[in-house]
C-alpha atoms as a PDB file:
ATOM      1  CA  MET A   1      27.034 -27.280  48.617  1.00  0.00           C
ATOM      2  CA  GLY A   2      27.794 -23.700  47.872  1.00  0.00           C
ATOM      3  CA  ALA A   3      28.145 -21.607  44.787  1.00  0.00           C
ATOM      4  CA  ASP A   4      30.929 -23.902  43.497  1.00  0.00           C
ATOM      5  CA  PHE A   5      28.567 -26.823  43.293  1.00  0.00           C
ATOM      6  CA  LEU A   6      25.859 -24.840  41.431  1.00  0.00           C
ATOM      7  CA  ASP A   7      28.407 -23.583  38.883  1.00  0.00           C
ATOM      8  CA  LYS A   8      29.577 -27.150  38.221  1.00  0.00           C
ATOM      9  CA  ARG A   9      26.030 -28.464  37.973  1.00  0.00           C
ATOM     10  CA  ASN A  10      24.787 -25.893  35.389  1.00  0.00           C
ATOM     11  CA  LYS A  11      25.536 -26.914  31.856  1.00  0.00           C
ATOM     12  CA  GLY A  12      27.174 -24.322  29.681  1.00  0.00           C
ATOM     13  CA  TYR A  13      26.108 -23.419  26.214  1.00  0.00           C
ATOM     14  CA  ALA A  14      27.976 -22.384  23.090  1.00  0.00           C
ATOM     15  CA  LYS A  15      26.827 -19.247  21.340  1.00  0.00           C
ATOM     16  CA  HIS A  16      27.240 -19.324  17.560  1.00  0.00           C
ATOM     17  CA  ILE A  17      25.773 -17.919  14.347  1.00  0.00           C
ATOM     18  CA  ASP A  18      24.500 -20.051  11.497  1.00  0.00           C
ATOM     19  CA  ARG A  19      26.530 -18.432   8.717  1.00  0.00           C
ATOM     20  CA  LYS A  20      24.588 -20.064   5.851  1.00  0.00           C
ATOM     21  CA  ARG A  21      21.282 -18.760   7.212  1.00  0.00           C
ATOM     22  CA  ALA A  22      22.774 -15.268   7.561  1.00  0.00           C
ATOM     23  CA  ALA A  23      24.018 -15.471   3.948  1.00  0.00           C
ATOM     24  CA  LEU A  24      20.510 -16.350   2.735  1.00  0.00           C
ATOM     25  CA  ALA A  25      19.034 -13.334   4.520  1.00  0.00           C
ATOM     26  CA  THR A  26      21.630 -10.923   3.104  1.00  0.00           C
ATOM     27  CA  GLY A  27      20.625  -9.236  -0.148  1.00  0.00           C
ATOM     28  CA  ASP A  28      22.901  -9.132  -3.154  1.00  0.00           C
ATOM     29  CA  LEU A  29      22.799  -7.826  -6.721  1.00  0.00           C
ATOM     30  CA  PHE A  30      20.354 -10.492  -7.915  1.00  0.00           C
ATOM     31  CA  THR A  31      17.978 -10.478  -4.938  1.00  0.00           C
ATOM     32  CA  GLN A  32      14.382  -9.882  -5.969  1.00  0.00           C
ATOM     33  CA  GLU A  33      11.986  -8.585  -3.380  1.00  0.00           C
ATOM     34  CA  PRO A  34       8.258  -8.548  -4.033  1.00  0.00           C
ATOM     35  CA  ASN A  35       6.789  -5.072  -4.125  1.00  0.00           C
ATOM     36  CA  ASP A  36       3.293  -4.516  -2.868  1.00  0.00           C
ATOM     37  CA  LYS A  37       2.050  -1.845  -5.231  1.00  0.00           C
ATOM     38  CA  PRO A  38      -1.563  -0.739  -5.074  1.00  0.00           C
ATOM     39  CA  ARG A  39      -3.655  -0.523  -8.213  1.00  0.00           C
ATOM     40  CA  ARG A  40      -3.858   2.822  -9.960  1.00  0.00           C
ATOM     41  CA  VAL A  41      -6.621   4.539 -11.892  1.00  0.00           C
ATOM     42  CA  ILE A  42      -6.824   7.764 -13.851  1.00  0.00           C
ATOM     43  CA  ALA A  43      -9.707  10.000 -12.826  1.00  0.00           C
ATOM     44  CA  LYS A  44     -11.034  13.201 -14.350  1.00  0.00           C
ATOM     45  CA  LEU A  45     -11.056  16.235 -12.052  1.00  0.00           C
ATOM     46  CA  LYS A  46     -14.287  18.146 -11.614  1.00  0.00           C
ATOM     47  CA  ARG A  47     -14.222  21.834 -12.552  1.00  0.00           C
ATOM     48  CA  GLY A  48     -13.340  24.185  -9.755  1.00  0.00           C
ATOM     49  CA  PHE A  49     -11.531  21.560  -7.665  1.00  0.00           C
ATOM     50  CA  SER A  50      -7.820  21.004  -7.310  1.00  0.00           C
ATOM     51  CA  VAL A  51      -5.795  18.364  -5.517  1.00  0.00           C
ATOM     52  CA  ALA A  52      -2.096  17.940  -4.797  1.00  0.00           C
ATOM     53  CA  LYS A  53       0.171  14.940  -4.807  1.00  0.00           C
ATOM     54  CA  GLY A  54      -0.269  12.949  -1.594  1.00  0.00           C
ATOM     55  CA  ASP A  55      -3.871  14.059  -0.914  1.00  0.00           C
ATOM     56  CA  LYS A  56      -6.151  11.323   0.411  1.00  0.00           C
ATOM     57  CA  LEU A  57      -9.517  10.754  -1.277  1.00  0.00           C
ATOM     58  CA  ILE A  58     -12.437   8.525  -0.364  1.00  0.00           C
ATOM     59  CA  ILE A  59     -13.191   6.276  -3.327  1.00  0.00           C
ATOM     60  CA  GLU A  60     -16.815   5.151  -3.698  1.00  0.00           C
ATOM     61  CA  LYS A  61     -18.375   2.840  -6.239  1.00  0.00           C
ATOM     62  CA  ASN A  62     -20.880   4.617  -8.472  1.00  0.00           C
ATOM     63  CA  GLY A  63     -22.490   2.246 -10.956  1.00  0.00           C
ATOM     64  CA  ALA A  64     -19.771   1.078 -13.363  1.00  0.00           C
ATOM     65  CA  GLY A  65     -17.451   3.886 -12.290  1.00  0.00           C
ATOM     66  CA  LEU A  66     -15.828   5.352  -9.219  1.00  0.00           C
ATOM     67  CA  THR A  67     -15.993   8.744  -7.542  1.00  0.00           C
ATOM     68  CA  GLY A  68     -13.255  10.373  -5.494  1.00  0.00           C
ATOM     69  CA  CYS A  69     -14.507  12.510  -2.609  1.00  0.00           C
ATOM     70  CA  GLN A  70     -12.673  14.984  -0.437  1.00  0.00           C
ATOM     71  CA  GLY A  71     -14.860  15.690   2.545  1.00  0.00           C
ATOM     72  CA  ASN A  72     -18.439  15.913   1.225  1.00  0.00           C
ATOM     73  CA  SER A  73     -17.450  17.107  -2.261  1.00  0.00           C
ATOM     74  CA  VAL A  74     -16.961  14.889  -5.301  1.00  0.00           C
ATOM     75  CA  VAL A  75     -13.576  15.935  -6.651  1.00  0.00           C
ATOM     76  CA  ALA A  76     -12.794  13.301  -9.298  1.00  0.00           C
ATOM     77  CA  GLU A  77     -14.648  10.690 -11.342  1.00  0.00           C
ATOM     78  CA  VAL A  78     -13.737   7.511 -13.174  1.00  0.00           C
ATOM     79  CA  GLU A  79     -16.454   6.780 -15.732  1.00  0.00           C
ATOM     80  CA  THR A  80     -15.610   3.126 -16.309  1.00  0.00           C
ATOM     81  CA  ALA A  81     -13.220   1.456 -13.888  1.00  0.00           C
ATOM     82  CA  SER A  82     -11.510  -1.831 -14.667  1.00  0.00           C
ATOM     83  CA  PRO A  83     -13.573  -4.811 -13.481  1.00  0.00           C
ATOM     84  CA  VAL A  84     -10.832  -5.918 -11.057  1.00  0.00           C
ATOM     85  CA  ILE A  85     -10.698  -2.539  -9.305  1.00  0.00           C
ATOM     86  CA  ALA A  86     -14.483  -2.138  -9.280  1.00  0.00           C
ATOM     87  CA  GLU A  87     -14.875  -5.614  -7.757  1.00  0.00           C
ATOM     88  CA  ALA A  88     -12.228  -4.895  -5.102  1.00  0.00           C
ATOM     89  CA  VAL A  89     -14.010  -1.678  -4.086  1.00  0.00           C
ATOM     90  CA  SER A  90     -17.353  -3.518  -4.026  1.00  0.00           C
ATOM     91  CA  LYS A  91     -15.930  -6.176  -1.724  1.00  0.00           C
ATOM     92  CA  SER A  92     -14.781  -3.498   0.714  1.00  0.00           C
ATOM     93  CA  SER A  93     -18.365  -2.278   1.256  1.00  0.00           C
ATOM     94  CA  GLY A  94     -18.203   0.032  -1.772  1.00  0.00           C
ATOM     95  CA  VAL A  95     -15.632   2.357  -0.176  1.00  0.00           C
ATOM     96  CA  ALA A  96     -11.818   2.495  -0.411  1.00  0.00           C
ATOM     97  CA  THR A  97      -8.979   4.921   0.256  1.00  0.00           C
ATOM     98  CA  GLY A  98      -7.202   6.604  -2.617  1.00  0.00           C
ATOM     99  CA  THR A  99      -3.977   8.583  -2.678  1.00  0.00           C
ATOM    100  CA  VAL A 100      -3.178  11.126  -5.389  1.00  0.00           C
ATOM    101  CA  GLU A 101       0.068  10.013  -7.016  1.00  0.00           C
ATOM    102  CA  LYS A 102       0.238  12.411  -9.960  1.00  0.00           C
ATOM    103  CA  VAL A 103      -1.681  15.475 -11.107  1.00  0.00           C
ATOM    104  CA  ASN A 104      -1.898  16.125 -14.862  1.00  0.00           C
ATOM    105  CA  LYS A 105      -2.858  19.802 -15.089  1.00  0.00           C
ATOM    106  CA  ILE A 106      -2.996  19.981 -18.891  1.00  0.00           C
ATOM    107  CA  SER A 107      -5.450  17.089 -19.293  1.00  0.00           C
ATOM    108  CA  GLY A 108      -7.269  17.778 -16.010  1.00  0.00           C
ATOM    109  CA  THR A 109      -6.755  14.240 -14.767  1.00  0.00           C
ATOM    110  CA  VAL A 110      -5.362  12.666 -11.617  1.00  0.00           C
ATOM    111  CA  GLU A 111      -3.564   9.351 -11.167  1.00  0.00           C
ATOM    112  CA  MET A 112      -4.685   7.698  -7.922  1.00  0.00           C
ATOM    113  CA  SER A 113      -3.560   4.576  -6.126  1.00  0.00           C
ATOM    114  CA  ILE A 114      -6.375   2.651  -4.476  1.00  0.00           C
ATOM    115  CA  LYS A 115      -5.805   0.619  -1.304  1.00  0.00           C
END
């Protein structure tokens, strides 16, 4: 009744890998992965304000449009937002987070992604 007996009594196990399952999880040339891309809007910059790519803005619903605020200042405006985006902002208590993706200096507009 020593260690020999306990070793004989314990059942062993075989360690293996399910190769078919591993093949399913491995990407190849034709693998399609869903991309979670946030919706984007184009907003007009207010005079005297500038933003850079990557800046975070607070998006608020304003009637049929949206306003982008940085701190307490309104930096950008969307006069008429798409109904889907406006509804999504409304459902999140009228406030969302926006990230500046592209700045168009010539037209004075900003492309923002809204999360």
